Amino acid sequence: MRELTYVAPKKLEWRERPDPSVWSRFDAVVRPVAATTCDVDKAIILEHSPVPAPFAIGHECVAEVVELGDGVTHPSPATSSSCRGTSAVGAATSAAPASTRIDR
């Protein structure tokens, strides 16, 4: 998958990363369909990062559910959902990391 990475003030790069997987029974793997920035992303890009670079940026998306841990009961795979939490937003062929939370 590709991950949008903050590498320095006002500098972002697409980086290749291994495909995510479900690590715990409450994880979900999603494939972003549409994404946007939030106020925190804008502040980080403009030199107000709370942590040193590099790190994945982007967490506002609508995504297709690809895989669920056995403790997740909703939504089901192949449905769309909005996402929040830590994630990397990649191209249409990538997926956000398992740490992405699914809004119900």
Protein backbone atom coordinates (compact mmCIF):
# COMPACT_ATOMS: atom_id res chain seq x y z
CA MET A 1 0.00 0.00 0.00
CA ARG A 2 1.00 3.63 -0.26
CA GLU A 3 1.12 5.85 2.82
CA LEU A 4 1.10 9.65 2.86
CA THR A 5 4.05 10.57 5.08
CA TYR A 6 4.95 13.90 6.69
CA VAL A 7 8.73 14.15 6.26
CA ALA A 8 9.48 17.83 7.05
CA PRO A 9 7.67 21.17 7.33
CA LYS A 10 5.64 21.69 4.14
CA LYS A 11 6.89 18.38 2.69
CA LEU A 12 4.86 15.19 2.22
CA GLU A 13 5.80 12.00 0.36
CA TRP A 14 3.98 8.87 -0.74
CA ARG A 15 5.84 5.85 0.68
CA GLU A 16 5.39 2.15 0.10
CA ARG A 17 4.35 0.15 3.17
CA PRO A 18 3.37 -3.47 3.77
CA ASP A 19 -0.34 -4.19 3.50
CA PRO A 20 -2.04 -3.89 6.91
CA SER A 21 -3.58 -6.82 8.72
CA VAL A 22 -5.87 -7.39 11.66
CA TRP A 23 -3.75 -7.58 14.85
CA SER A 24 -6.46 -7.82 17.48
CA ARG A 25 -10.00 -9.07 17.54
CA PHE A 26 -11.30 -5.45 17.54
CA ASP A 27 -9.26 -4.21 14.54
CA ALA A 28 -10.52 -3.40 11.07
CA VAL A 29 -8.68 -3.02 7.78
CA VAL A 30 -10.28 -0.55 5.39
CA ARG A 31 -9.61 0.67 1.84
CA PRO A 32 -10.07 4.45 1.51
CA VAL A 33 -12.50 5.54 -1.21
CA ALA A 34 -12.43 9.30 -0.51
CA ALA A 35 -10.26 11.32 1.86
CA THR A 36 -9.72 14.87 3.03
CA THR A 37 -7.53 16.80 5.43
CA CYS A 38 -8.53 18.12 8.83
CA ASP A 39 -7.33 21.13 10.82
CA VAL A 40 -4.68 19.03 12.60
CA ASP A 41 -3.20 17.89 9.25
CA LYS A 42 -2.98 21.50 8.08
CA ALA A 43 -1.24 22.60 11.29
CA ILE A 44 1.27 19.75 11.05
CA ILE A 45 2.10 20.51 7.42
CA LEU A 46 2.64 24.18 8.33
CA GLU A 47 5.35 23.37 10.91
CA HIS A 48 3.28 22.76 14.04
CA SER A 49 3.93 19.03 14.43
CA PRO A 50 3.66 17.65 17.97
CA VAL A 51 6.11 14.83 17.17
CA PRO A 52 9.22 14.57 15.00
CA ALA A 53 8.95 13.45 11.36
CA PRO A 54 8.54 11.10 9.60
CA PHE A 55 5.05 9.76 10.34
CA ALA A 56 1.87 8.85 8.47
CA ILE A 57 -0.65 11.66 8.05
CA GLY A 58 -4.35 11.63 7.22
CA HIS A 59 -7.30 10.07 9.00
CA GLU A 60 -10.48 11.57 7.58
CA CYS A 61 -11.93 9.18 5.02
CA VAL A 62 -14.81 7.15 3.71
CA ALA A 63 -13.66 3.60 3.19
CA GLU A 64 -14.64 0.10 2.16
CA VAL A 65 -14.34 -2.46 4.96
CA VAL A 66 -11.87 -5.13 3.81
CA GLU A 67 -11.26 -7.28 6.88
CA LEU A 68 -12.55 -7.40 10.46
CA GLY A 69 -11.32 -8.97 13.67
CA ASP A 70 -13.69 -11.54 15.13
CA GLY A 71 -14.73 -9.12 17.91
CA VAL A 72 -16.13 -6.56 15.44
CA THR A 73 -19.82 -7.08 14.75
CA HIS A 74 -20.62 -4.00 12.65
CA PRO A 75 -20.12 -3.03 9.85
CA SER A 76 -19.65 -6.10 7.70
CA PRO A 77 -16.91 -6.52 5.06
CA ALA A 78 -17.55 -4.90 1.65
CA THR A 79 -19.65 -2.10 3.19
CA SER A 80 -18.63 1.56 3.32
CA SER A 81 -17.98 3.45 6.53
CA SER A 82 -16.49 6.72 7.74
CA CYS A 83 -13.15 6.46 9.54
CA ARG A 84 -11.50 8.28 12.41
CA GLY A 85 -8.34 7.69 14.38
CA THR A 86 -4.76 7.12 13.33
CA SER A 87 -4.45 6.01 9.75
CA ALA A 88 -2.53 6.36 6.58
CA VAL A 89 -4.66 7.33 3.63
CA GLY A 90 -3.36 5.78 0.44
CA ALA A 91 -4.37 5.23 -3.14
CA ALA A 92 -7.50 3.34 -4.13
CA THR A 93 -5.55 0.09 -4.06
CA SER A 94 -4.26 0.57 -0.52
CA ALA A 95 -5.84 0.26 2.88
CA ALA A 96 -5.60 2.17 6.13
CA PRO A 97 -3.75 0.50 8.99
CA ALA A 98 -5.51 -1.82 11.36
CA SER A 99 -5.53 0.95 14.01
CA THR A 100 -8.26 2.79 12.08
CA ARG A 101 -11.55 2.85 13.95
CA ILE A 102 -14.86 2.31 12.21
CA ASP A 103 -17.68 4.73 13.05
CA ARG A 104 -20.91 2.88 13.65
